[in-house]
Amino acid sequence: MAKGSRRNFSFIILMISLIVILISRVILVRLIGSKGVCFFSLSNELFFLIAGAASYAIEEAASSMIENRMNRQQITNAKNVALYSIVYALIVGVLAGVILLSLMNSLVNGFFNLHLSYLSYYFIIPAIPMFILTGAIKGYFKGVNQTAVIMRSQIVFVVVYSVTGLIFGFVSMNYGRRVSELLRNEEFSYSYGAMGASIGLLLASSACLLHMLVVYFLYSRRTVLGVTKEYSKVVDSPMQIIFNLAATALIPFALWVVFMLLPIINIALLFKTGAKDYSLDFSYGEYYGKTTSITGIIVLLISVFSYAYIRKAIGAVKREEYRNAREKLKAMIHRCATLSLYAAAMLVILADNILDTLYASNGESTALYLQIQALCILFAVYAVMFTEMMISMQNHVFALGIAAVSMVVHLIVSIVFVSTFKLSIIGIILGNLIFFGMYAFISFVFISRAFQYTQEWFRTFVVTMISALISALIGMLLNKVLSPLVGKGISLVIVLISSTLLYIVIILALKGYQEEELEESALGRMVLAIGRAVNLI
């Protein structure tokens, strides 16, 4: 398999893995309740902030250093980088776990004010060094161009994380009910449910590390020492390798941290500076388990369907085919606009149907959260796509700078919304909207200049928005008629299918797409077939 196609497949596997994780979170709400998901959220996000950042940074640093030495035929140096990156990851992982353990009480009780989430930390702390160590081994395989191993490890992690997290969450929740009866405090049942979900993190990290270790010891000799004859006699010292690893990992580490700080900051703002409300645990669980999961799934799906244009655009730039690169960038932006605007519009009108279908009972506030959060889809899609483009173009520093500026603005705006205006969850959602909107705009300006690209605004956005709004409006009227007659679940399916067909017809009738644009992908060819069936093309 060619290197470019492997990279394409890696991104798609990553997006699908994240989708599965979010789906498991949607299910987890049903098993351990919204309060249980709230207690689980802090440990889950801290794990992916600490372990995820260190793992990703060491993986990127080790892979680039190993690849560089392999290209220069420095086989011994490549082997040493692989070995010392594992040692470095083990040291970093143990230190991170010890520091989190020592700060656990202060974080849970003092800073975040989530007292009953403490049980979850006993399981994520040992998972941290395992996950970071796995990242170092991934860096080795990435450096020797064995990305299939990395993709398999992602699948192992996601499957174990989702399945065991749900199983242990359910079992622990039932046990926690007995504890709650003894202590006469129902909150403990949710705390135990969160603890069970965190066991999934520990087991997934263990299974993923075990898989990577087995593959590493089976194939390391063939993929490094047995690749080719050694020509270079240059051997880097251990301290030089460690220093280079730390320096190379700094930018990827910072980039990951800035993005993953978003939910952590939101939790801190709500539970530390926000209005003290007994129902805040429940409200945040509803937001974290339902709202962010559903919108996140939509964003990731759109990214999967639009990703091919990124690879084609970057490939054209590398071949110095700048006109072709601009055409692919234009097609990507148009595809994202078409999917995100329609998805956001339909989510606004069908939020109540979706939540009522997934959950037996649902509050009006959660539907409102989902409707406002739907606006984030419009910008989050471009944030994902432009970030991937900048990383593919080796512009990590620009991505980091844009993310940092957006995060500072988000923090200021969120503090005003939550602390001053007392908007609680809605203030957090509006802050997220500011973050993704600002990030998408600045990234677009940067990439437009890099590609010397001029945006066609009317056909890409205005026509698409008109088509989406008309389809959503008619879908809303149809839903109001059908829901009392056939139920919200059946109405959801009927309205979604009919509105989608109507959206395609309207956008073709308004000349929102040209025929050659639609012939480049499977989704486009489907739209083309519908257009020809109704004589619009």
Protein backbone atom coordinates (compact mmCIF):
# COMPACT_ATOMS: atom_id res chain seq x y z
CA MET A 1 0.00 0.00 0.00
CA ALA A 2 1.37 3.42 -0.91
CA LYS A 3 2.41 5.78 1.87
CA GLY A 4 -0.21 8.38 0.92
CA SER A 5 -3.06 5.88 0.89
CA ARG A 6 -1.97 4.51 4.27
CA ARG A 7 -2.07 8.04 5.67
CA ASN A 8 -5.55 8.54 4.24
CA PHE A 9 -6.73 5.30 5.81
CA SER A 10 -5.11 6.23 9.15
CA PHE A 11 -7.13 9.45 9.35
CA ILE A 12 -10.37 7.65 8.52
CA ILE A 13 -9.66 4.95 11.13
CA LEU A 14 -8.96 7.68 13.70
CA MET A 15 -12.23 9.47 12.89
CA ILE A 16 -14.21 6.22 13.04
CA SER A 17 -12.53 5.36 16.36
CA LEU A 18 -13.58 8.70 17.82
CA ILE A 19 -17.11 8.18 16.51
CA VAL A 20 -17.31 4.80 18.28
CA ILE A 21 -16.09 6.39 21.53
CA LEU A 22 -18.77 9.09 21.29
CA ILE A 23 -21.45 6.50 20.52
CA SER A 24 -20.41 4.59 23.64
CA ARG A 25 -20.76 7.82 25.63
CA VAL A 26 -24.30 8.28 24.31
CA ILE A 27 -25.11 4.74 25.50
CA LEU A 28 -23.32 5.32 28.81
CA VAL A 29 -25.88 7.99 29.75
CA ARG A 30 -28.58 5.33 29.65
CA LEU A 31 -26.55 2.96 31.84
CA ILE A 32 -25.16 5.21 34.59
CA GLY A 33 -27.34 8.30 34.26
CA SER A 34 -26.45 11.88 33.48
CA LYS A 35 -24.90 12.46 36.91
CA GLY A 36 -22.75 9.37 36.48
CA VAL A 37 -21.50 10.67 33.14
CA CYS A 38 -20.80 14.03 34.79
CA PHE A 39 -18.61 12.35 37.43
CA PHE A 40 -16.90 10.32 34.69
CA SER A 41 -16.30 13.36 32.48
CA LEU A 42 -13.54 14.94 34.54
CA SER A 43 -11.42 11.78 34.88
CA ASN A 44 -12.01 10.91 31.22
CA GLU A 45 -10.97 14.35 29.97
CA LEU A 46 -7.98 14.58 32.32
CA PHE A 47 -6.80 11.18 31.07
CA PHE A 48 -6.94 12.22 27.44
CA LEU A 49 -5.41 15.60 28.28
CA ILE A 50 -2.40 14.21 30.16
CA ALA A 51 -1.89 10.76 28.66
CA GLY A 52 -3.12 11.75 25.22
CA ALA A 53 -0.87 14.80 24.93
CA ALA A 54 2.26 12.97 26.11
CA SER A 55 1.50 9.89 23.99
CA TYR A 56 0.83 11.89 20.82
CA ALA A 57 3.87 14.13 21.34
CA ILE A 58 6.28 11.25 21.95
CA GLU A 59 4.80 9.31 19.03
CA GLU A 60 5.32 12.24 16.66
CA ALA A 61 8.81 12.99 17.97
CA ALA A 62 9.99 9.38 17.87
CA SER A 63 8.53 8.71 14.42
CA SER A 64 10.17 11.80 12.87
CA MET A 65 13.55 11.02 14.45
CA ILE A 66 13.45 7.34 13.46
CA GLU A 67 12.32 8.13 9.92
CA ASN A 68 15.09 10.73 9.57
CA ARG A 69 17.75 8.27 10.67
CA MET A 70 16.39 5.45 8.53
CA ASN A 71 16.53 7.71 5.47
CA ARG A 72 20.20 8.39 6.23
CA GLN A 73 20.89 4.67 6.72
CA GLN A 74 21.65 5.17 10.43
CA ILE A 75 20.10 1.88 11.55
CA THR A 76 21.81 1.77 14.95
CA ASN A 77 20.71 5.33 15.69
CA ALA A 78 17.14 4.46 14.69
CA LYS A 79 17.22 1.47 17.03
CA ASN A 80 18.53 3.65 19.86
CA VAL A 81 15.83 6.27 19.30
CA ALA A 82 13.19 3.53 19.48
CA LEU A 83 14.68 2.17 22.73
CA TYR A 84 15.19 5.52 24.47
CA SER A 85 11.81 6.83 23.41
CA ILE A 86 10.26 3.90 25.29
CA VAL A 87 12.41 4.65 28.35
CA TYR A 88 11.54 8.35 28.08
CA ALA A 89 7.81 7.56 27.76
CA LEU A 90 7.95 5.28 30.81
CA ILE A 91 9.59 8.00 32.91
CA VAL A 92 7.13 10.67 31.73
CA GLY A 93 4.16 8.34 32.31
CA VAL A 94 5.17 7.39 35.85
CA LEU A 95 5.87 11.02 36.77
CA ALA A 96 2.51 12.13 35.32
CA GLY A 97 0.70 9.42 37.28
CA VAL A 98 2.48 10.28 40.54
CA ILE A 99 1.82 14.01 40.12
CA LEU A 100 -1.88 13.42 39.38
CA LEU A 101 -2.13 11.09 42.40
CA SER A 102 -0.60 13.69 44.69
CA LEU A 103 -2.89 16.42 43.35
CA MET A 104 -6.04 14.30 43.12
CA ASN A 105 -7.78 15.52 46.26
CA SER A 106 -6.96 19.15 45.54
CA LEU A 107 -8.19 18.86 41.96
CA VAL A 108 -11.42 17.03 42.72
CA ASN A 109 -12.47 18.81 45.89
CA GLY A 110 -10.81 22.19 45.55
CA PHE A 111 -10.38 23.23 41.95
CA PHE A 112 -13.17 21.38 40.12
CA ASN A 113 -15.63 20.98 43.01
CA LEU A 114 -16.68 17.51 41.82
CA HIS A 115 -16.31 15.61 45.08
CA LEU A 116 -17.90 12.30 44.12
CA SER A 117 -15.81 11.81 40.99
CA TYR A 118 -12.76 10.78 43.07
CA LEU A 119 -13.34 7.02 42.64
CA SER A 120 -12.60 7.24 38.91
CA TYR A 121 -9.04 8.47 39.41
CA TYR A 122 -7.82 5.25 40.98
CA PHE A 123 -8.23 3.58 37.60
CA ILE A 124 -7.03 6.28 35.22
CA ILE A 125 -3.78 6.90 37.13
CA PRO A 126 -2.21 3.49 36.30
CA ALA A 127 -3.62 3.79 32.76
CA ILE A 128 -1.64 6.98 32.10
CA PRO A 129 1.88 5.45 31.90
CA MET A 130 0.50 2.54 29.85
CA PHE A 131 -1.06 4.86 27.30
CA ILE A 132 2.07 7.04 27.06
CA LEU A 133 4.29 3.98 26.66
CA THR A 134 2.01 2.78 23.87
CA GLY A 135 2.54 6.12 22.12
CA ALA A 136 6.32 5.61 22.10
CA ILE A 137 5.94 2.18 20.48
CA LYS A 138 3.52 3.65 17.95
CA GLY A 139 6.19 6.22 17.10
CA TYR A 140 8.60 3.40 16.30
CA PHE A 141 6.19 1.72 13.90
CA LYS A 142 5.24 5.05 12.33
CA GLY A 143 8.90 5.85 11.83
CA VAL A 144 9.54 2.60 9.95
CA ASN A 145 6.34 3.11 7.92
CA GLN A 146 4.32 0.31 9.52
CA THR A 147 1.13 2.33 10.05
CA ALA A 148 -1.11 -0.74 9.82
CA VAL A 149 0.08 -1.73 13.31
CA ILE A 150 -0.96 1.68 14.66
CA MET A 151 -4.40 1.40 13.10
CA ARG A 152 -4.90 -2.05 14.65
CA SER A 153 -3.88 -0.68 18.06
CA GLN A 154 -6.48 2.08 17.74
CA ILE A 155 -9.13 -0.49 16.99
CA VAL A 156 -8.06 -2.58 20.01
CA PHE A 157 -8.23 0.45 22.29
CA VAL A 158 -11.61 1.65 21.04
CA VAL A 159 -13.27 -1.76 21.19
CA VAL A 160 -12.03 -2.55 24.72
CA TYR A 161 -12.70 1.01 25.93
CA SER A 162 -16.26 1.02 24.66
CA VAL A 163 -17.31 -2.53 25.56
CA THR A 164 -15.68 -2.84 28.98
CA GLY A 165 -16.52 0.74 29.94
CA LEU A 166 -20.21 0.10 29.30
CA ILE A 167 -20.21 -3.31 31.01
CA PHE A 168 -18.34 -2.21 34.14
CA GLY A 169 -20.25 1.05 34.25
CA PHE A 170 -23.54 -0.87 34.36
CA VAL A 171 -22.30 -3.43 36.92
CA SER A 172 -20.71 -0.81 39.17
CA MET A 173 -23.82 1.35 39.00
CA ASN A 174 -25.93 -1.53 40.32
CA TYR A 175 -23.44 -2.14 43.13
CA GLY A 176 -23.38 1.57 43.87
CA ARG A 177 -27.13 1.55 44.44
CA ARG A 178 -26.61 -0.75 47.44
CA VAL A 179 -23.90 1.57 48.76
CA SER A 180 -26.26 4.51 48.30
CA GLU A 181 -28.94 2.74 50.32
CA LEU A 182 -26.50 2.07 53.16
CA LEU A 183 -25.18 5.64 53.16
CA ARG A 184 -28.59 7.14 52.36
CA ASN A 185 -27.13 9.18 49.51
CA GLU A 186 -28.15 8.30 45.96
CA GLU A 187 -25.17 10.23 44.56
CA PHE A 188 -22.86 7.31 45.37
CA SER A 189 -24.56 5.09 42.80
CA TYR A 190 -23.57 7.55 40.08
CA SER A 191 -20.05 7.79 41.50
CA TYR A 192 -19.67 4.01 41.30
CA GLY A 193 -21.07 4.05 37.76
CA ALA A 194 -18.40 6.57 36.77
CA MET A 195 -15.76 4.39 38.43
CA GLY A 196 -16.90 1.42 36.35
CA ALA A 197 -16.67 3.44 33.15
CA SER A 198 -13.11 4.42 34.13
CA ILE A 199 -12.21 0.75 34.44
CA GLY A 200 -12.77 0.63 30.69
CA LEU A 201 -9.98 3.19 30.26
CA LEU A 202 -7.58 1.08 32.32
CA LEU A 203 -8.43 -2.16 30.52
CA ALA A 204 -8.25 -0.50 27.09
CA SER A 205 -4.84 1.00 27.86
CA SER A 206 -3.61 -2.37 29.15
CA ALA A 207 -4.89 -4.28 26.11
CA CYS A 208 -3.47 -1.71 23.68
CA LEU A 209 -0.05 -1.74 25.38
CA LEU A 210 0.03 -5.55 25.44
CA HIS A 211 -0.83 -5.68 21.74
CA MET A 212 1.88 -3.16 20.87
CA LEU A 213 4.52 -4.91 23.00
CA VAL A 214 3.82 -8.28 21.38
CA VAL A 215 4.01 -6.81 17.89
CA TYR A 216 7.11 -4.78 18.80
CA PHE A 217 9.09 -7.78 20.04
CA LEU A 218 7.95 -9.92 17.11
CA TYR A 219 8.72 -7.43 14.34
CA SER A 220 11.26 -4.89 15.64
CA ARG A 221 14.21 -6.91 14.32
CA ARG A 222 12.72 -7.19 10.85
CA THR A 223 11.49 -3.58 10.61
CA VAL A 224 14.62 -1.84 11.91
CA LEU A 225 17.72 -4.00 12.06
CA GLY A 226 16.85 -6.06 9.03
CA VAL A 227 15.82 -3.28 6.70
CA THR A 228 19.12 -2.56 5.04
CA LYS A 229 22.86 -2.55 5.57
CA GLU A 230 24.29 0.06 7.95
CA TYR A 231 26.46 2.66 6.23
CA SER A 232 26.72 5.37 8.90
CA LYS A 233 28.99 4.99 11.92
CA VAL A 234 27.49 8.02 13.72
CA VAL A 235 25.90 7.08 17.03
CA ASP A 236 23.98 9.62 19.12
CA SER A 237 24.43 9.58 22.89
CA PRO A 238 21.48 8.64 25.13
CA MET A 239 21.23 12.18 26.55
CA GLN A 240 21.29 13.68 23.07
CA ILE A 241 18.46 11.39 21.98
CA ILE A 242 16.38 12.19 25.09
CA PHE A 243 16.95 15.92 24.62
CA ASN A 244 15.97 15.76 20.94
CA LEU A 245 12.87 13.74 21.81
CA ALA A 246 11.78 16.29 24.40
CA ALA A 247 12.44 19.24 22.07
CA THR A 248 10.73 17.65 19.05
CA ALA A 249 7.72 16.64 21.15
CA LEU A 250 7.15 20.14 22.52
CA ILE A 251 5.00 21.57 19.69
CA PRO A 252 2.77 18.47 19.20
CA PHE A 253 2.35 18.28 22.99
CA ALA A 254 1.30 21.93 23.22
CA LEU A 255 -1.08 21.59 20.25
CA TRP A 256 -2.84 18.60 21.84
CA VAL A 257 -3.03 20.32 25.24
CA VAL A 258 -4.61 23.49 23.85
CA PHE A 259 -7.39 21.54 22.13
CA MET A 260 -8.02 19.16 25.04
CA LEU A 261 -8.11 22.03 27.54
CA LEU A 262 -11.47 23.09 26.12
CA PRO A 263 -13.65 20.61 28.11
CA ILE A 264 -11.40 20.89 31.19
CA ILE A 265 -11.79 24.68 31.25
CA ASN A 266 -15.54 24.30 30.77
CA ILE A 267 -15.80 21.97 33.78
CA ALA A 268 -13.72 24.32 35.93
CA LEU A 269 -15.77 27.36 34.92
CA LEU A 270 -19.08 25.66 35.67
CA PHE A 271 -18.27 23.99 38.97
CA LYS A 272 -15.84 26.53 40.40
CA THR A 273 -16.99 29.95 39.22
CA GLY A 274 -20.53 29.28 38.00
CA ALA A 275 -23.74 29.61 39.97
CA LYS A 276 -24.01 26.89 42.64
CA ASP A 277 -26.97 24.75 41.62
CA TYR A 278 -27.88 21.30 42.98
CA SER A 279 -28.92 20.19 39.48
CA LEU A 280 -25.64 21.30 37.85
CA ASP A 281 -24.24 17.73 37.97
CA PHE A 282 -27.27 16.50 36.05
CA SER A 283 -27.22 19.39 33.56
CA TYR A 284 -23.54 18.97 32.75
CA GLY A 285 -23.99 15.21 32.36
CA GLU A 286 -26.78 15.88 29.88
CA TYR A 287 -24.56 18.30 27.98
CA TYR A 288 -21.42 16.14 28.05
CA GLY A 289 -23.07 12.78 27.45
CA LYS A 290 -25.71 13.77 24.93
CA THR A 291 -25.09 17.19 23.38
CA THR A 292 -21.35 17.08 22.73
CA SER A 293 -21.49 13.41 21.74
CA ILE A 294 -24.21 13.82 19.11
CA THR A 295 -22.71 16.95 17.56
CA GLY A 296 -19.23 15.41 17.73
CA ILE A 297 -20.39 12.35 15.82
CA ILE A 298 -21.85 14.57 13.10
CA VAL A 299 -18.64 16.63 12.82
CA LEU A 300 -16.48 13.52 12.54
CA LEU A 301 -18.76 11.94 9.93
CA ILE A 302 -18.61 15.07 7.79
CA SER A 303 -14.81 15.05 8.16
CA VAL A 304 -14.65 11.46 6.90
CA PHE A 305 -16.77 12.29 3.84
CA SER A 306 -14.70 15.39 3.04
CA TYR A 307 -11.20 14.16 3.82
CA ALA A 308 -10.28 12.92 0.34
CA TYR A 309 -10.10 16.52 -0.92
CA ILE A 310 -7.44 17.37 1.69
CA ARG A 311 -5.10 14.63 0.55
CA LYS A 312 -5.60 15.60 -3.10
CA ALA A 313 -4.96 19.27 -2.33
CA ILE A 314 -1.78 18.57 -0.34
CA GLY A 315 -0.59 16.14 -3.01
CA ALA A 316 -1.13 18.77 -5.70
CA VAL A 317 0.87 21.32 -3.67
CA LYS A 318 3.77 18.89 -3.34
CA ARG A 319 3.71 18.42 -7.13
CA GLU A 320 3.57 22.23 -7.50
CA GLU A 321 0.19 21.97 -9.25
CA TYR A 322 -1.21 25.01 -7.47
CA ARG A 323 -4.25 25.48 -9.67
CA ASN A 324 -5.32 21.90 -9.04
CA ALA A 325 -4.66 22.36 -5.31
CA ARG A 326 -6.96 25.39 -5.23
CA GLU A 327 -9.68 23.44 -7.01
CA LYS A 328 -9.47 20.64 -4.43
CA LEU A 329 -9.52 23.15 -1.57
CA LYS A 330 -12.57 24.79 -3.12
CA ALA A 331 -14.29 21.40 -3.44
CA MET A 332 -13.48 20.53 0.18
CA ILE A 333 -14.87 23.81 1.52
CA HIS A 334 -17.99 23.39 -0.63
CA ARG A 335 -18.52 19.79 0.53
CA CYS A 336 -18.13 20.77 4.19
CA ALA A 337 -20.56 23.67 3.77
CA THR A 338 -23.13 21.45 2.07
CA LEU A 339 -23.04 18.82 4.80
CA SER A 340 -22.54 21.01 7.88
CA LEU A 341 -25.20 23.62 7.10
CA TYR A 342 -27.81 20.95 6.40
CA ALA A 343 -26.80 18.88 9.45
CA ALA A 344 -27.00 21.92 11.75
CA ALA A 345 -30.40 22.96 10.37
CA MET A 346 -31.88 19.48 10.74
CA LEU A 347 -30.43 19.04 14.22
CA VAL A 348 -32.16 22.24 15.32
CA ILE A 349 -35.60 21.06 14.19
CA LEU A 350 -35.17 17.39 15.17
CA ALA A 351 -33.29 17.77 18.48
CA ASP A 352 -36.31 16.78 20.54
CA ASN A 353 -37.07 13.79 18.27
CA ILE A 354 -33.48 12.52 18.47
CA LEU A 355 -33.28 12.79 22.25
CA ASP A 356 -36.73 11.30 22.76
CA THR A 357 -35.84 8.36 20.50
CA LEU A 358 -32.52 7.66 22.23
CA TYR A 359 -33.73 8.20 25.80
CA ALA A 360 -37.00 7.34 27.49
CA SER A 361 -37.40 10.76 29.07
CA ASN A 362 -35.73 14.02 28.21
CA GLY A 363 -35.87 17.57 29.50
CA GLU A 364 -36.51 20.64 27.39
CA SER A 365 -33.21 22.15 28.49
CA THR A 366 -31.23 19.32 26.89
CA ALA A 367 -32.97 19.85 23.56
CA LEU A 368 -32.12 23.53 23.83
CA TYR A 369 -28.47 22.67 24.51
CA LEU A 370 -28.41 20.47 21.43
CA GLN A 371 -30.04 23.13 19.25
CA ILE A 372 -27.51 25.81 20.27
CA GLN A 373 -24.60 23.36 20.05
CA ALA A 374 -25.70 22.55 16.49
CA LEU A 375 -24.28 25.92 15.45
CA CYS A 376 -20.82 24.72 16.53
CA ILE A 377 -20.98 22.10 13.77
CA LEU A 378 -20.64 24.84 11.14
CA PHE A 379 -17.22 25.84 12.46
CA ALA A 380 -15.96 22.67 14.15
CA VAL A 381 -15.94 20.84 10.80
CA TYR A 382 -13.61 23.44 9.31
CA ALA A 383 -11.50 23.44 12.48
CA VAL A 384 -10.89 19.70 12.05
CA MET A 385 -10.21 19.93 8.32
CA PHE A 386 -7.95 22.98 8.44
CA THR A 387 -6.00 21.52 11.36
CA GLU A 388 -5.35 18.35 9.39
CA MET A 389 -4.25 20.45 6.42
CA MET A 390 -1.81 22.48 8.52
CA ILE A 391 -0.37 19.34 10.12
CA SER A 392 -0.03 17.70 6.69
CA MET A 393 1.80 20.83 5.52
CA GLN A 394 4.09 20.58 8.59
CA ASN A 395 2.75 23.87 9.97
CA HIS A 396 2.27 22.72 13.56
CA VAL A 397 3.40 26.08 14.95
CA PHE A 398 0.71 27.98 13.03
CA ALA A 399 -1.96 25.53 14.20
CA LEU A 400 -0.73 25.93 17.78
CA GLY A 401 -0.72 29.73 17.57
CA ILE A 402 -4.23 29.87 16.12
CA ALA A 403 -5.54 27.43 18.73
CA ALA A 404 -3.87 29.36 21.58
CA VAL A 405 -5.35 32.71 20.49
CA SER A 406 -8.80 31.12 20.07
CA MET A 407 -8.53 29.49 23.50
CA VAL A 408 -7.67 32.79 25.22
CA VAL A 409 -10.67 34.48 23.61
CA HIS A 410 -12.86 31.49 24.50
CA LEU A 411 -11.73 31.68 28.13
CA ILE A 412 -12.48 35.40 28.43
CA VAL A 413 -15.89 35.11 26.75
CA SER A 414 -16.86 32.00 28.75
CA ILE A 415 -15.97 33.65 32.06
CA VAL A 416 -18.23 36.57 31.15
CA PHE A 417 -21.09 34.29 30.09
CA VAL A 418 -20.83 31.89 33.05
CA SER A 419 -19.68 34.09 35.93
CA THR A 420 -21.19 37.46 35.03
CA PHE A 421 -24.36 36.60 33.11
CA LYS A 422 -24.93 33.27 34.92
CA LEU A 423 -25.76 31.44 31.68
CA SER A 424 -24.31 28.14 32.96
CA ILE A 425 -24.31 25.43 30.24
CA ILE A 426 -25.57 27.83 27.58
CA GLY A 427 -22.66 30.15 28.37
CA ILE A 428 -20.25 27.25 27.87
CA ILE A 429 -21.84 26.38 24.50
CA LEU A 430 -21.60 29.99 23.36
CA GLY A 431 -17.96 30.02 24.42
CA ASN A 432 -17.35 26.87 22.37
CA LEU A 433 -19.00 28.55 19.41
CA ILE A 434 -16.60 31.48 19.75
CA PHE A 435 -13.60 29.13 19.96
CA PHE A 436 -14.44 27.07 16.87
CA GLY A 437 -15.62 30.10 14.91
CA MET A 438 -12.45 32.05 15.57
CA TYR A 439 -10.21 29.04 14.94
CA ALA A 440 -11.96 28.24 11.64
CA PHE A 441 -11.79 31.86 10.44
CA ILE A 442 -8.09 32.42 11.22
CA SER A 443 -7.18 29.00 9.80
CA PHE A 444 -9.10 29.79 6.63
CA VAL A 445 -7.23 33.08 6.20
CA PHE A 446 -3.88 31.34 6.68
CA ILE A 447 -4.65 28.47 4.28
CA SER A 448 -6.16 30.82 1.68
CA ARG A 449 -2.92 32.79 1.61
CA ALA A 450 -0.81 29.64 1.48
CA PHE A 451 -2.82 28.36 -1.52
CA GLN A 452 -3.40 31.82 -3.02
CA TYR A 453 -7.06 30.90 -2.90
CA THR A 454 -10.07 33.20 -3.37
CA GLN A 455 -13.35 31.98 -1.92
CA GLU A 456 -16.55 31.89 -3.98
CA TRP A 457 -19.01 32.92 -1.28
CA PHE A 458 -22.40 33.01 -2.98
CA ARG A 459 -22.65 29.53 -4.47
CA THR A 460 -20.75 27.86 -1.65
CA PHE A 461 -22.51 29.38 1.34
CA VAL A 462 -25.51 31.55 0.39
CA VAL A 463 -27.14 29.03 -1.98
CA THR A 464 -26.37 26.19 0.41
CA MET A 465 -27.81 28.07 3.39
CA ILE A 466 -31.01 28.94 1.51
CA SER A 467 -31.43 25.30 0.46
CA ALA A 468 -30.81 24.04 4.00
CA LEU A 469 -33.21 26.53 5.59
CA ILE A 470 -36.04 25.79 3.15
CA SER A 471 -35.60 22.04 3.64
CA ALA A 472 -35.46 22.42 7.43
CA LEU A 473 -38.53 24.65 7.50
CA ILE A 474 -40.61 22.19 5.49
CA GLY A 475 -39.21 19.33 7.59
CA MET A 476 -40.24 21.15 10.77
CA LEU A 477 -43.82 21.57 9.53
CA LEU A 478 -43.94 17.92 8.47
CA ASN A 479 -42.58 16.84 11.85
CA LYS A 480 -45.27 18.82 13.69
CA VAL A 481 -47.91 16.95 11.73
CA LEU A 482 -46.38 13.47 11.90
CA SER A 483 -45.07 13.35 15.50
CA PRO A 484 -48.51 13.24 17.20
CA LEU A 485 -49.71 10.65 14.67
CA VAL A 486 -46.84 8.14 14.37
CA GLY A 487 -44.51 9.07 17.22
CA LYS A 488 -41.28 11.03 17.33
CA GLY A 489 -39.05 8.12 16.31
CA ILE A 490 -40.89 7.24 13.09
CA SER A 491 -41.40 10.92 12.33
CA LEU A 492 -37.64 11.44 12.71
CA VAL A 493 -36.89 8.87 10.00
CA ILE A 494 -39.58 10.11 7.60
CA VAL A 495 -38.66 13.79 7.99
CA LEU A 496 -34.94 13.09 7.66
CA ILE A 497 -35.35 11.12 4.41
CA SER A 498 -37.87 13.50 2.82
CA SER A 499 -35.95 16.63 3.86
CA THR A 500 -32.69 15.21 2.52
CA LEU A 501 -34.25 14.49 -0.87
CA LEU A 502 -35.83 17.94 -0.88
CA TYR A 503 -32.49 19.54 0.04
CA ILE A 504 -30.76 17.82 -2.88
CA VAL A 505 -33.47 18.92 -5.30
CA ILE A 506 -33.39 22.55 -4.10
CA ILE A 507 -29.62 22.88 -4.16
CA LEU A 508 -29.50 21.43 -7.68
CA ALA A 509 -32.34 23.65 -8.83
CA LEU A 510 -30.44 26.71 -7.52
CA LYS A 511 -27.30 25.55 -9.40
CA GLY A 512 -25.45 25.02 -6.13
CA TYR A 513 -23.35 22.27 -7.70
CA GLN A 514 -21.83 21.73 -11.11
CA GLU A 515 -21.94 18.32 -12.73
CA GLU A 516 -18.17 17.82 -12.73
CA GLU A 517 -18.03 18.48 -8.97
CA LEU A 518 -20.49 15.69 -8.32
CA GLU A 519 -18.65 13.07 -10.34
CA GLU A 520 -15.64 13.01 -7.99
CA SER A 521 -17.15 11.06 -5.07
CA ALA A 522 -19.71 8.41 -4.21
CA LEU A 523 -21.95 10.92 -2.43
CA GLY A 524 -21.71 13.24 -5.42
CA ARG A 525 -22.62 10.52 -7.87
CA MET A 526 -25.67 9.67 -5.74
CA VAL A 527 -26.76 13.33 -5.84
CA LEU A 528 -26.09 13.33 -9.58
CA ALA A 529 -28.36 10.32 -10.04
CA ILE A 530 -31.16 12.04 -8.10
CA GLY A 531 -30.71 15.22 -10.15
CA ARG A 532 -30.95 13.31 -13.41
CA ALA A 533 -34.02 11.43 -12.17
CA VAL A 534 -35.90 14.70 -11.64
CA ASN A 535 -34.45 16.29 -14.81
CA LEU A 536 -32.43 18.94 -12.97
CA ILE A 537 -29.20 17.77 -14.61
